[in-house]
Protein backbone atom coordinates (compact mmCIF):
# COMPACT_ATOMS: atom_id res chain seq x y z
CA MET A 1 35.98 -3.26 -6.96
CA ARG A 2 34.19 -3.02 -10.27
CA PRO A 3 30.79 -1.38 -10.01
CA GLN A 4 27.94 -3.89 -10.08
CA VAL A 5 26.06 -3.86 -13.38
CA TYR A 6 22.31 -4.45 -13.19
CA ILE A 7 19.80 -5.28 -15.89
CA SER A 8 18.18 -1.89 -15.41
CA ASP A 9 21.50 -0.28 -16.45
CA LEU A 10 21.90 -2.12 -19.76
CA SER A 11 20.94 0.86 -21.93
CA LYS A 12 24.34 2.32 -20.95
CA HIS A 13 26.25 -0.82 -21.95
CA VAL A 14 25.01 -1.75 -25.44
CA GLY A 15 27.91 -3.19 -27.44
CA LYS A 16 30.02 -3.66 -24.32
CA SER A 17 30.99 -6.72 -22.33
CA VAL A 18 29.45 -6.88 -18.86
CA THR A 19 29.14 -9.30 -15.98
CA LEU A 20 25.79 -9.69 -14.24
CA LYS A 21 24.72 -11.69 -11.21
CA GLY A 22 21.29 -13.06 -10.45
CA TRP A 23 18.99 -16.05 -10.52
CA LEU A 24 17.62 -18.30 -13.26
CA TYR A 25 14.02 -17.37 -13.93
CA HIS A 26 13.55 -19.72 -16.87
CA ARG A 27 15.62 -21.85 -19.25
CA ARG A 28 15.00 -23.41 -22.64
CA SER A 29 17.23 -25.20 -25.08
CA SER A 30 17.34 -25.42 -28.86
CA GLY A 31 20.05 -27.80 -29.99
CA LYS A 32 23.42 -26.14 -29.42
CA VAL A 33 21.86 -22.99 -27.95
CA LYS A 34 20.64 -22.41 -24.43
CA PHE A 35 18.43 -19.44 -23.55
CA LEU A 36 18.74 -18.41 -19.94
CA ILE A 37 16.39 -15.79 -18.49
CA LEU A 38 18.29 -14.02 -15.75
CA ARG A 39 16.56 -11.97 -13.08
CA ASP A 40 18.46 -9.71 -10.73
CA GLY A 41 15.69 -7.77 -8.96
CA THR A 42 15.87 -4.86 -11.40
CA GLY A 43 14.60 -6.69 -14.48
CA TYR A 44 14.80 -9.74 -16.72
CA LEU A 45 17.38 -10.50 -19.42
CA GLN A 46 17.63 -13.21 -22.06
CA CYS A 47 21.16 -14.64 -22.13
CA VAL A 48 22.18 -16.75 -25.13
CA VAL A 49 24.78 -19.45 -24.57
CA PHE A 50 25.95 -20.84 -27.95
CA LYS A 51 28.00 -23.99 -27.75
CA GLY A 52 30.40 -22.82 -30.45
CA ASN A 53 31.25 -19.63 -28.54
CA VAL A 54 32.03 -21.06 -25.11
CA SER A 55 34.09 -23.80 -23.52
CA THR A 56 32.63 -27.20 -22.73
CA GLU A 57 32.71 -26.30 -19.01
CA VAL A 58 30.73 -23.11 -19.54
CA PHE A 59 28.12 -24.89 -21.68
CA GLU A 60 27.80 -27.61 -19.03
CA ASN A 61 27.37 -24.94 -16.34
CA ALA A 62 24.47 -23.49 -18.33
CA GLU A 63 22.98 -26.99 -18.52
CA LYS A 64 23.26 -27.55 -14.77
CA LEU A 65 21.31 -24.42 -13.82
CA THR A 66 17.89 -25.14 -12.33
CA GLN A 67 15.04 -22.74 -11.65
CA GLU A 68 16.20 -20.11 -9.10
CA SER A 69 19.84 -21.20 -9.17
CA SER A 70 22.15 -18.23 -8.68
CA PHE A 71 24.90 -17.58 -11.21
CA GLU A 72 27.20 -15.01 -12.75
CA ILE A 73 27.23 -14.47 -16.50
CA THR A 74 29.50 -12.45 -18.77
CA GLY A 75 28.91 -11.39 -22.34
CA ALA A 76 28.19 -8.62 -24.83
CA VAL A 77 24.99 -6.60 -24.56
CA LYS A 78 22.92 -6.00 -27.69
CA LEU A 79 19.54 -4.54 -28.49
CA GLU A 80 16.88 -7.16 -29.14
CA PRO A 81 13.30 -5.79 -29.21
CA ARG A 82 11.84 -9.32 -29.36
CA ALA A 83 13.52 -10.39 -26.13
CA VAL A 84 12.21 -9.82 -22.63
CA GLY A 85 13.33 -6.36 -21.50
CA GLY A 86 14.45 -5.35 -24.99
CA TYR A 87 18.09 -6.50 -24.60
CA GLU A 88 20.02 -9.72 -25.01
CA LEU A 89 23.36 -10.99 -23.75
CA ASP A 90 25.68 -13.09 -25.94
CA ALA A 91 27.34 -15.10 -23.20
CA VAL A 92 31.01 -16.07 -23.11
CA ASP A 93 31.15 -17.26 -19.51
CA VAL A 94 28.77 -18.76 -16.95
CA LYS A 95 29.83 -19.30 -13.34
CA ILE A 96 27.57 -21.15 -10.91
CA ILE A 97 27.12 -19.55 -7.48
CA SER A 98 24.53 -21.95 -6.03
CA ILE A 99 22.39 -24.69 -7.55
CA SER A 100 18.80 -24.50 -6.34
CA SER A 101 17.07 -27.59 -5.03
CA GLU A 102 13.80 -28.53 -6.69
CA TYR A 103 11.98 -25.19 -6.54
CA PRO A 104 8.46 -25.59 -5.09
CA ILE A 105 6.85 -22.77 -7.08
CA THR A 106 6.94 -24.05 -10.64
CA PRO A 107 5.39 -22.38 -13.72
CA LYS A 108 2.21 -24.44 -13.19
CA GLU A 109 -0.85 -23.16 -11.29
CA HIS A 110 -0.76 -23.23 -7.48
CA GLY A 111 -3.52 -22.67 -4.94
CA ILE A 112 -3.49 -19.45 -2.93
CA GLU A 113 -2.89 -21.24 0.39
CA PHE A 114 0.17 -22.98 -1.06
CA LEU A 115 1.48 -19.65 -2.36
CA ILE A 116 0.90 -17.86 0.95
CA ASP A 117 2.63 -20.73 2.80
CA HIS A 118 5.58 -20.10 0.49
CA ARG A 119 5.32 -16.31 0.54
CA HIS A 120 9.07 -16.02 1.15
CA LEU A 121 9.54 -17.57 -2.30
CA TRP A 122 6.38 -16.29 -3.97
CA VAL A 123 7.68 -12.71 -3.71
CA ARG A 124 10.25 -13.67 -6.39
CA SER A 125 7.59 -14.21 -9.07
CA LYS A 126 7.20 -11.62 -11.80
CA LYS A 127 3.79 -10.28 -10.75
CA GLN A 128 4.67 -10.13 -7.08
CA VAL A 129 7.88 -8.25 -7.89
CA ALA A 130 5.81 -5.79 -9.94
CA VAL A 131 3.38 -5.24 -7.04
CA LEU A 132 6.18 -4.67 -4.55
CA LYS A 133 7.97 -2.24 -6.87
CA ILE A 134 4.74 -0.27 -7.30
CA ARG A 135 4.29 -0.30 -3.52
CA HIS A 136 7.80 1.13 -3.18
CA ARG A 137 7.02 3.89 -5.67
CA ILE A 138 3.73 4.72 -3.94
CA VAL A 139 5.59 5.09 -0.64
CA LYS A 140 8.06 7.46 -2.29
CA ALA A 141 5.22 9.42 -3.90
CA ILE A 142 3.57 9.78 -0.49
CA ARG A 143 6.74 11.15 1.07
CA ASP A 144 7.45 13.40 -1.92
CA PHE A 145 3.92 14.82 -1.84
CA PHE A 146 4.11 15.87 1.80
CA ASP A 147 7.74 16.95 1.66
CA MET A 148 7.01 19.28 -1.26
CA ARG A 149 4.15 20.88 0.69
CA GLY A 150 6.07 21.68 3.84
CA PHE A 151 4.85 18.79 6.01
CA VAL A 152 7.10 17.34 8.70
CA LEU A 153 7.30 13.59 9.33
CA PHE A 154 6.14 12.98 12.91
CA ASP A 155 6.70 9.45 14.21
CA PRO A 156 4.07 8.26 16.72
CA PRO A 157 4.59 5.38 19.17
CA ILE A 158 3.46 1.89 18.22
CA ILE A 159 2.85 1.02 21.89
CA THR A 160 0.03 3.13 23.31
CA PRO A 161 -1.74 3.38 26.69
CA ASN A 162 -5.21 3.84 25.25
CA ALA A 163 -7.42 3.24 22.23
CA CYS A 164 -7.89 5.70 19.43
CA GLU A 165 -11.20 4.33 18.18
CA GLY A 166 -12.57 2.13 20.94
CA THR A 167 -11.13 -1.00 22.54
CA SER A 168 -12.90 -3.79 20.66
CA THR A 169 -10.25 -4.16 17.95
CA LEU A 170 -7.05 -3.70 19.95
CA PHE A 171 -4.13 -6.06 20.47
CA GLU A 172 -3.61 -5.91 24.22
CA PHE A 173 -0.59 -6.98 26.27
CA ASP A 174 0.96 -6.50 29.70
CA TYR A 175 3.47 -3.65 29.85
CA PHE A 176 5.83 -4.35 32.74
CA ASP A 177 4.40 -2.90 35.97
CA LEU A 178 2.26 -0.29 34.23
CA GLY A 179 -0.67 -2.55 33.41
CA LYS A 180 -2.23 -2.97 30.00
CA ALA A 181 -0.85 -1.45 26.81
CA TYR A 182 -1.93 -1.78 23.20
CA LEU A 183 -0.55 -1.93 19.69
CA THR A 184 -1.58 1.23 17.91
CA GLN A 185 -4.69 1.42 15.75
CA SER A 186 -3.64 4.80 14.40
CA GLY A 187 -1.06 7.52 14.89
CA GLN A 188 -3.72 10.21 14.62
CA LEU A 189 -4.02 11.40 18.22
CA TYR A 190 -0.27 11.89 18.37
CA ALA A 191 -0.32 13.58 14.96
CA GLU A 192 -2.69 16.16 16.44
CA ALA A 193 -0.03 17.02 19.01
CA GLY A 194 2.44 17.30 16.14
CA ALA A 195 0.17 19.60 14.12
CA LEU A 196 -0.18 22.01 17.05
CA ALA A 197 3.61 22.11 17.34
CA LEU A 198 4.65 22.07 13.68
CA GLY A 199 1.57 23.19 11.74
CA LYS A 200 1.46 20.38 9.16
CA VAL A 201 2.70 16.86 9.91
CA TYR A 202 2.24 13.32 8.70
CA THR A 203 2.77 9.96 10.36
CA PHE A 204 3.65 6.87 8.37
CA GLY A 205 4.00 3.44 9.88
CA PRO A 206 2.46 0.10 10.81
CA THR A 207 -0.90 -0.08 12.56
CA PHE A 208 -2.80 -3.00 14.02
CA ARG A 209 -6.47 -3.96 14.14
CA ALA A 210 -7.73 -7.05 15.95
CA GLU A 211 -10.87 -7.26 13.82
CA LYS A 212 -12.00 -10.85 13.27
CA SER A 213 -12.60 -10.15 9.62
CA LYS A 214 -11.75 -12.51 6.78
CA THR A 215 -12.60 -10.21 3.89
CA ARG A 216 -10.17 -9.38 1.10
CA ARG A 217 -10.10 -5.79 2.40
CA HIS A 218 -8.66 -6.55 5.84
CA LEU A 219 -5.28 -7.29 7.34
CA THR A 220 -4.43 -7.33 11.05
CA GLU A 221 -1.15 -5.48 10.40
CA PHE A 222 -1.02 -2.77 7.75
CA TRP A 223 0.57 0.58 6.99
CA MET A 224 -1.12 3.95 7.31
CA VAL A 225 -0.11 7.46 6.33
CA GLU A 226 -1.92 10.11 8.38
CA PRO A 227 -1.49 13.83 7.69
CA GLU A 228 -2.76 16.30 10.28
CA MET A 229 -3.09 20.03 9.63
CA ALA A 230 -3.67 22.97 11.96
CA PHE A 231 -6.22 25.55 10.77
CA TYR A 232 -7.77 23.13 8.21
CA ASP A 233 -11.52 22.60 8.13
CA LEU A 234 -13.32 19.66 6.47
CA ASP A 235 -13.31 21.27 3.02
CA ASP A 236 -9.56 21.96 3.23
CA ASN A 237 -9.10 18.35 4.29
CA MET A 238 -11.04 17.03 1.31
CA ASP A 239 -9.12 19.29 -1.07
CA LEU A 240 -5.84 17.88 0.20
CA ALA A 241 -7.08 14.26 0.04
CA GLU A 242 -8.09 14.47 -3.62
CA GLU A 243 -4.87 16.26 -4.58
CA PHE A 244 -2.96 13.55 -2.72
CA LEU A 245 -4.68 10.66 -4.48
CA GLU A 246 -4.33 12.25 -7.90
CA TYR A 247 -0.61 12.76 -7.32
CA ILE A 248 -0.03 9.14 -6.25
CA VAL A 249 -1.94 7.60 -9.16
CA GLN A 250 -0.51 9.87 -11.83
CA THR A 251 3.02 9.28 -10.52
CA VAL A 252 2.59 5.51 -10.78
CA LEU A 253 1.11 5.86 -14.27
CA THR A 254 4.06 7.95 -15.41
CA GLU A 255 6.86 5.95 -13.82
CA MET A 256 5.66 2.35 -13.44
CA ARG A 257 4.10 1.46 -16.81
CA PRO A 258 6.19 -1.71 -17.31
CA GLU A 259 5.04 -3.06 -13.93
CA LEU A 260 1.41 -2.17 -14.65
CA GLU A 261 1.72 -4.04 -17.96
CA ILE A 262 3.09 -7.12 -16.18
CA LEU A 263 0.00 -7.00 -13.94
CA GLU A 264 -2.22 -6.50 -17.03
CA ARG A 265 -3.74 -3.49 -15.31
CA ASP A 266 -6.32 -1.54 -17.32
CA VAL A 267 -4.59 1.83 -17.12
CA THR A 268 -7.52 3.66 -18.72
CA LYS A 269 -9.26 3.28 -15.35
CA LEU A 270 -6.35 4.98 -13.62
CA GLU A 271 -6.09 7.74 -16.20
CA ASN A 272 -9.51 8.96 -14.99
CA ILE A 273 -8.13 9.65 -11.51
CA LYS A 274 -7.94 13.42 -11.77
CA ARG A 275 -9.50 16.22 -9.78
CA PRO A 276 -12.16 17.21 -9.05
CA PHE A 277 -13.59 14.11 -7.38
CA PRO A 278 -17.35 13.86 -6.87
CA ARG A 279 -18.46 14.78 -3.34
CA ILE A 280 -21.72 13.46 -1.95
CA SER A 281 -23.23 13.62 1.51
CA TYR A 282 -24.04 10.52 3.52
CA ASP A 283 -27.71 11.31 2.85
CA GLU A 284 -27.05 11.22 -0.90
CA ALA A 285 -25.16 7.96 -0.51
CA VAL A 286 -28.12 6.44 1.31
CA GLN A 287 -30.39 7.58 -1.51
CA ILE A 288 -28.15 5.81 -4.05
CA LEU A 289 -28.43 2.60 -2.03
CA LEU A 290 -32.20 2.84 -1.73
CA GLU A 291 -32.56 3.51 -5.46
CA SER A 292 -30.37 0.46 -6.10
CA GLY A 293 -32.79 -1.74 -4.18
CA ILE A 294 -30.73 -2.01 -1.00
CA ASP A 295 -32.71 -2.09 2.25
CA PHE A 296 -30.48 0.38 4.09
CA GLU A 297 -31.41 2.15 7.30
CA TRP A 298 -30.26 5.72 7.85
CA GLY A 299 -27.77 5.86 10.71
CA ASN A 300 -25.93 2.65 9.84
CA ASP A 301 -22.32 2.71 8.71
CA LEU A 302 -21.58 1.80 5.12
CA GLY A 303 -20.48 -1.79 4.62
CA GLY A 304 -18.14 -3.07 1.94
CA GLY A 305 -21.01 -4.03 -0.36
CA ASP A 306 -22.63 -0.63 0.13
CA GLU A 307 -19.37 1.13 -0.75
CA THR A 308 -19.07 -0.89 -3.95
CA ILE A 309 -22.59 0.02 -5.08
CA ILE A 310 -21.96 3.71 -4.43
CA SER A 311 -18.51 3.82 -6.05
CA ASP A 312 -19.78 1.97 -9.14
CA LYS A 313 -21.74 5.10 -10.01
CA PHE A 314 -18.50 7.03 -10.57
CA ASP A 315 -15.36 6.65 -12.70
CA ARG A 316 -13.03 8.08 -10.04
CA PRO A 317 -12.90 8.13 -6.23
CA VAL A 318 -16.04 9.49 -4.58
CA MET A 319 -15.92 11.45 -1.34
CA VAL A 320 -18.76 10.70 1.08
CA HIS A 321 -19.00 13.28 3.85
CA ARG A 322 -21.06 14.17 6.93
CA TYR A 323 -21.78 10.76 8.41
CA PRO A 324 -24.08 10.13 11.38
CA SER A 325 -21.99 10.97 14.43
CA GLN A 326 -23.16 7.76 16.14
CA VAL A 327 -21.04 5.62 13.80
CA LYS A 328 -17.93 7.78 13.98
CA ALA A 329 -15.13 8.21 16.51
CA PHE A 330 -15.39 10.42 19.59
CA TYR A 331 -12.83 12.96 18.36
CA MET A 332 -14.75 13.98 15.23
CA LYS A 333 -16.31 17.43 15.28
CA ARG A 334 -20.07 17.70 14.88
CA ASP A 335 -21.60 19.62 12.00
CA PRO A 336 -22.66 23.03 13.42
CA LYS A 337 -25.73 22.88 11.18
CA ASN A 338 -26.82 19.43 12.37
CA ASP A 339 -25.50 17.95 15.62
CA LYS A 340 -26.43 14.42 14.47
CA LEU A 341 -23.75 14.59 11.78
CA ALA A 342 -19.97 14.38 12.09
CA LEU A 343 -17.68 16.45 9.89
CA ALA A 344 -16.20 13.25 8.52
CA VAL A 345 -15.25 12.05 5.05
CA ASP A 346 -14.51 8.67 3.53
CA VAL A 347 -12.99 8.37 0.08
CA LEU A 348 -14.20 5.30 -1.80
CA ALA A 349 -12.03 3.97 -4.60
CA PRO A 350 -13.69 2.86 -7.84
CA GLU A 351 -13.82 -0.72 -9.16
CA GLY A 352 -15.04 -2.12 -5.83
CA TYR A 353 -11.93 -1.39 -3.77
CA GLY A 354 -13.81 0.40 -1.03
CA GLU A 355 -12.62 2.97 1.48
CA ILE A 356 -9.01 4.04 1.04
CA ILE A 357 -9.16 7.28 3.02
CA GLY A 358 -11.02 8.12 6.20
CA GLY A 359 -10.77 11.53 7.80
CA SER A 360 -12.48 14.32 9.64
CA GLN A 361 -12.29 17.72 11.20
CA ARG A 362 -11.38 17.16 14.85
CA GLU A 363 -13.32 18.43 17.83
CA ASP A 364 -11.36 21.45 19.09
CA ASP A 365 -13.71 22.45 21.93
CA LEU A 366 -12.56 21.11 25.31
CA ASP A 367 -15.99 20.79 26.92
CA LYS A 368 -17.47 19.00 23.92
CA LEU A 369 -14.54 16.61 23.74
CA LEU A 370 -14.88 15.82 27.45
CA HIS A 371 -18.54 15.06 26.87
CA ARG A 372 -17.72 12.72 23.99
CA ILE A 373 -15.14 10.83 26.02
CA LYS A 374 -17.73 10.21 28.73
CA GLU A 375 -20.35 9.36 26.11
CA HIS A 376 -18.06 6.66 24.69
CA ASN A 377 -17.21 5.32 28.17
CA LEU A 378 -13.51 6.02 27.70
CA PRO A 379 -11.19 6.57 30.68
CA GLN A 380 -10.60 10.32 30.90
CA GLU A 381 -7.29 9.91 32.72
CA SER A 382 -5.82 8.13 29.67
CA PHE A 383 -6.69 11.12 27.50
CA GLU A 384 -5.53 13.95 29.74
CA TRP A 385 -2.54 14.62 27.49
CA TYR A 386 -4.88 14.73 24.48
CA LEU A 387 -7.23 17.11 26.29
CA ASP A 388 -4.25 19.38 26.97
CA LEU A 389 -4.17 20.06 23.23
CA ARG A 390 -7.54 21.83 23.73
CA ARG A 391 -6.52 23.54 26.96
CA TYR A 392 -3.42 25.18 25.56
CA GLY A 393 -3.91 26.94 22.22
CA SER A 394 -6.68 24.89 20.61
CA VAL A 395 -7.33 25.61 16.93
CA PRO A 396 -9.52 24.09 14.20
CA HIS A 397 -7.63 21.18 12.69
CA SER A 398 -8.25 18.23 10.42
CA GLY A 399 -6.61 15.14 9.03
CA PHE A 400 -7.12 11.80 7.38
CA GLY A 401 -5.62 8.34 7.11
CA LEU A 402 -4.82 6.44 3.94
CA GLY A 403 -4.37 2.68 4.03
CA LEU A 404 -1.27 1.83 2.01
CA GLU A 405 -2.22 -1.76 1.18
CA ARG A 406 -5.71 -0.81 0.00
CA THR A 407 -4.18 1.85 -2.22
CA VAL A 408 -1.60 -0.58 -3.63
CA SER A 409 -4.31 -3.17 -4.29
CA TRP A 410 -6.48 -0.67 -6.12
CA ILE A 411 -3.73 0.81 -8.27
CA CYS A 412 -2.33 -2.64 -9.12
CA GLY A 413 -5.78 -4.10 -9.76
CA ILE A 414 -5.20 -7.10 -7.48
CA GLU A 415 -8.03 -8.76 -5.65
CA HIS A 416 -6.70 -9.23 -2.13
CA LEU A 417 -4.65 -7.10 0.27
CA ARG A 418 -2.45 -10.09 1.09
CA GLU A 419 -0.50 -9.49 -2.13
CA ALA A 420 0.03 -5.78 -1.39
CA ILE A 421 2.41 -6.33 1.56
CA PRO A 422 5.52 -8.52 1.70
CA PHE A 423 4.32 -10.78 4.53
CA PRO A 424 0.57 -10.49 5.25
CA ARG A 425 -0.86 -10.97 8.71
CA MET A 426 -4.48 -12.10 8.86
CA ILE A 427 -6.64 -13.60 11.57
CA TYR A 428 -5.79 -17.12 10.45
CA ARG A 429 -2.14 -16.50 9.53
CA ASN A 430 0.98 -15.13 11.22
CA THR A 431 3.55 -17.08 9.18
CA PRO A 432 5.92 -17.19 7.41
């Protein structure tokens, strides 16, 4: 079989005859010339079908093609800076694979509900393709970052017997004869077991939150990457988080410029994403809110609007640390200097994108962790395995979680998380 030639390979084929396969993105005619824009998943190519250069059958095939029809086209590749993608194909043959019915997503404007209803088709559009390619590159950057630093991928279960952060936002179901089980909120507790076995690990997979939230920052199913490191304190954790974010953003800037241009992303905003990031305490964050005229009470968690006000003061992610322990999870270690504070950190993205990283130093003292479990009214028997991590070789350890879709949304400059994942799941939608 001949190797498949893709649009992304055309720089190697200038002046040569090639055959490409794909779908019709757009077509226009000018007398005896038809301009077909082919898309094949790797790019877009203008194909010129001149009546004088092809048979009547081939010219008629070019005429029959409708939006999203699939076809095969053969011709000579040439440089053409004015054309989409910088290349052009002088066609000598067009073979129809499948004629598309009247395509529902036309070049005109469509409402968001219509587009989400047709998400299986919407993902073909140029901007959605760009978002999904950037998502792919972010995932690779995440894996590269941890692989280069000696981390081991540690896969946690998706079905869990207990909650990681309370039971109010869990998807619950019956698990055979064993009673209730839940879809995971986080792989973190299992990552802690991994860190005490392997030193440095990361989990990466889908997580589920049954929050009845309709904001643009929430999905019920999303992807999280969660590193966990033995012998790391909160400062080590924050150092790693900012290095991680810088690496992801700078990688996308270097390798995905064409996609960022398609999205009309202001890359000057992303070029600022370099270490060091500003670090402020929760107390300092509260002061910013009060000075901005927000009636905020110390001890409350930061809401989305609060995060936006705080992050607007900075041109890069801001790290807010040492939150009131009352608003944080049971496993977070208390500040030895102030027991009312947890050694926690949230990283807030600029431009109003909110929290993209949440992390902490974990409580490594068995007695204190037992107390917290009782304090939070959690069933101790469900956490016996987790408590064993403190009984047998406990060490200081830390970790964080990064929401993939929030990161994709921020880097792409898109408004809603629903466009940052192939098929979004929200409280009012579980289709298509």
